[in-house]
């Protein structure tokens, strides 16, 4: 369960950052996410990887749906968590 919570946290950071900086490019967002992951002081490499994967999916969703609310994007994101984790395990 912890891994899913951390993934939602990373996605939320992306959505929030994109909301405040709508023209932010991939590098900017991931620099911000890298700091967020570091600040979480996570030792488990799988959780770190999951957070980065979550951020990537969230960035894609935010760019594809710029007019959708952060709350709605988070709901949609939560539905995608199992497929993100499955992709990581491949």
Protein backbone atom coordinates (compact mmCIF):
# COMPACT_ATOMS: atom_id res chain seq x y z
CA UNK A 1 0.00 0.00 0.00
CA UNK A 2 2.89 2.38 0.73
CA UNK A 3 4.06 2.23 -2.87
CA UNK A 4 0.63 3.33 -4.18
CA UNK A 5 0.51 6.22 -1.72
CA UNK A 6 3.95 7.40 -2.79
CA UNK A 7 2.91 7.12 -6.45
CA UNK A 8 -0.17 9.28 -5.81
CA UNK A 9 2.06 11.75 -3.98
CA UNK A 10 4.39 12.01 -7.00
CA UNK A 11 1.46 12.36 -9.41
CA UNK A 12 -0.08 15.05 -7.24
CA UNK A 13 3.21 16.96 -7.26
CA UNK A 14 3.26 16.83 -11.06
CA UNK A 15 -0.34 17.99 -11.41
CA UNK A 16 0.23 20.79 -8.92
CA UNK A 17 3.46 21.90 -10.60
CA UNK A 18 1.85 21.86 -14.05
CA UNK A 19 -1.09 23.87 -12.71
CA UNK A 20 1.24 26.56 -11.38
CA UNK A 21 3.57 26.35 -14.40
CA UNK A 22 1.42 25.36 -17.40
CA UNK A 23 4.24 25.87 -19.90
CA UNK A 24 6.75 23.80 -17.89
CA UNK A 25 8.71 21.34 -19.98
CA UNK A 26 9.54 17.75 -19.14
CA UNK A 27 12.97 18.58 -17.69
CA UNK A 28 11.60 21.22 -15.32
CA UNK A 29 8.90 18.94 -13.99
CA UNK A 30 11.27 16.03 -13.48
CA UNK A 31 13.82 18.22 -11.74
CA UNK A 32 11.04 19.21 -9.34
CA UNK A 33 9.98 15.57 -8.89
CA UNK A 34 13.57 14.48 -8.26
CA UNK A 35 13.75 16.97 -5.40
CA UNK A 36 10.40 15.73 -4.10
CA UNK A 37 11.59 12.10 -4.12
CA UNK A 38 14.85 13.09 -2.42
CA UNK A 39 12.98 15.05 0.26
CA UNK A 40 10.88 11.97 1.02
CA UNK A 41 14.09 10.19 2.12
CA UNK A 42 13.01 6.90 0.61
CA UNK A 43 15.53 4.06 0.75
CA UNK A 44 13.54 1.47 -1.18
CA UNK A 45 14.65 1.66 -4.82
CA UNK A 46 11.42 0.08 -6.06
CA UNK A 47 9.37 2.84 -4.44
CA UNK A 48 11.64 5.50 -5.95
CA UNK A 49 11.27 3.90 -9.38
CA UNK A 50 7.49 3.70 -8.93
CA UNK A 51 7.36 7.40 -8.03
CA UNK A 52 9.32 8.33 -11.15
CA UNK A 53 7.11 6.10 -13.31
CA UNK A 54 4.05 7.69 -11.71
CA UNK A 55 5.41 11.16 -12.42
CA UNK A 56 5.95 10.24 -16.05
CA UNK A 57 2.39 9.01 -16.45
CA UNK A 58 1.04 12.04 -14.58
CA UNK A 59 3.02 14.40 -16.81
CA UNK A 60 1.60 12.69 -19.89
CA UNK A 61 -1.94 12.91 -18.50
CA UNK A 62 -1.55 16.58 -17.56
CA UNK A 63 -0.32 17.46 -21.04
CA UNK A 64 -3.09 15.51 -22.77
CA UNK A 65 -5.83 16.98 -20.56
CA UNK A 66 -4.86 20.59 -19.73
CA UNK A 67 -8.42 21.63 -18.89
CA UNK A 68 -9.20 18.75 -16.53
CA UNK A 69 -9.09 19.53 -12.80
CA UNK A 70 -6.31 18.19 -10.59
CA UNK A 71 -8.90 16.23 -8.61
CA UNK A 72 -10.23 14.51 -11.73
CA UNK A 73 -6.72 13.81 -13.01
CA UNK A 74 -5.85 12.19 -9.67
CA UNK A 75 -8.96 10.00 -9.87
CA UNK A 76 -7.99 8.88 -13.36
CA UNK A 77 -4.39 8.37 -12.25
CA UNK A 78 -5.37 6.07 -9.36
CA UNK A 79 -7.12 3.80 -11.87
CA UNK A 80 -3.85 3.52 -13.80
CA UNK A 81 -1.64 2.52 -10.84
CA UNK A 82 -2.00 -1.26 -11.38
CA UNK A 83 -0.93 -0.97 -15.02
CA UNK A 84 2.04 1.25 -14.08
CA UNK A 85 3.19 -1.29 -11.50
CA UNK A 86 2.67 -4.12 -13.98
CA UNK A 87 4.81 -2.32 -16.56
CA UNK A 88 7.56 -1.86 -13.96
CA UNK A 89 7.61 -5.59 -13.26
CA UNK A 90 8.18 -6.49 -16.91
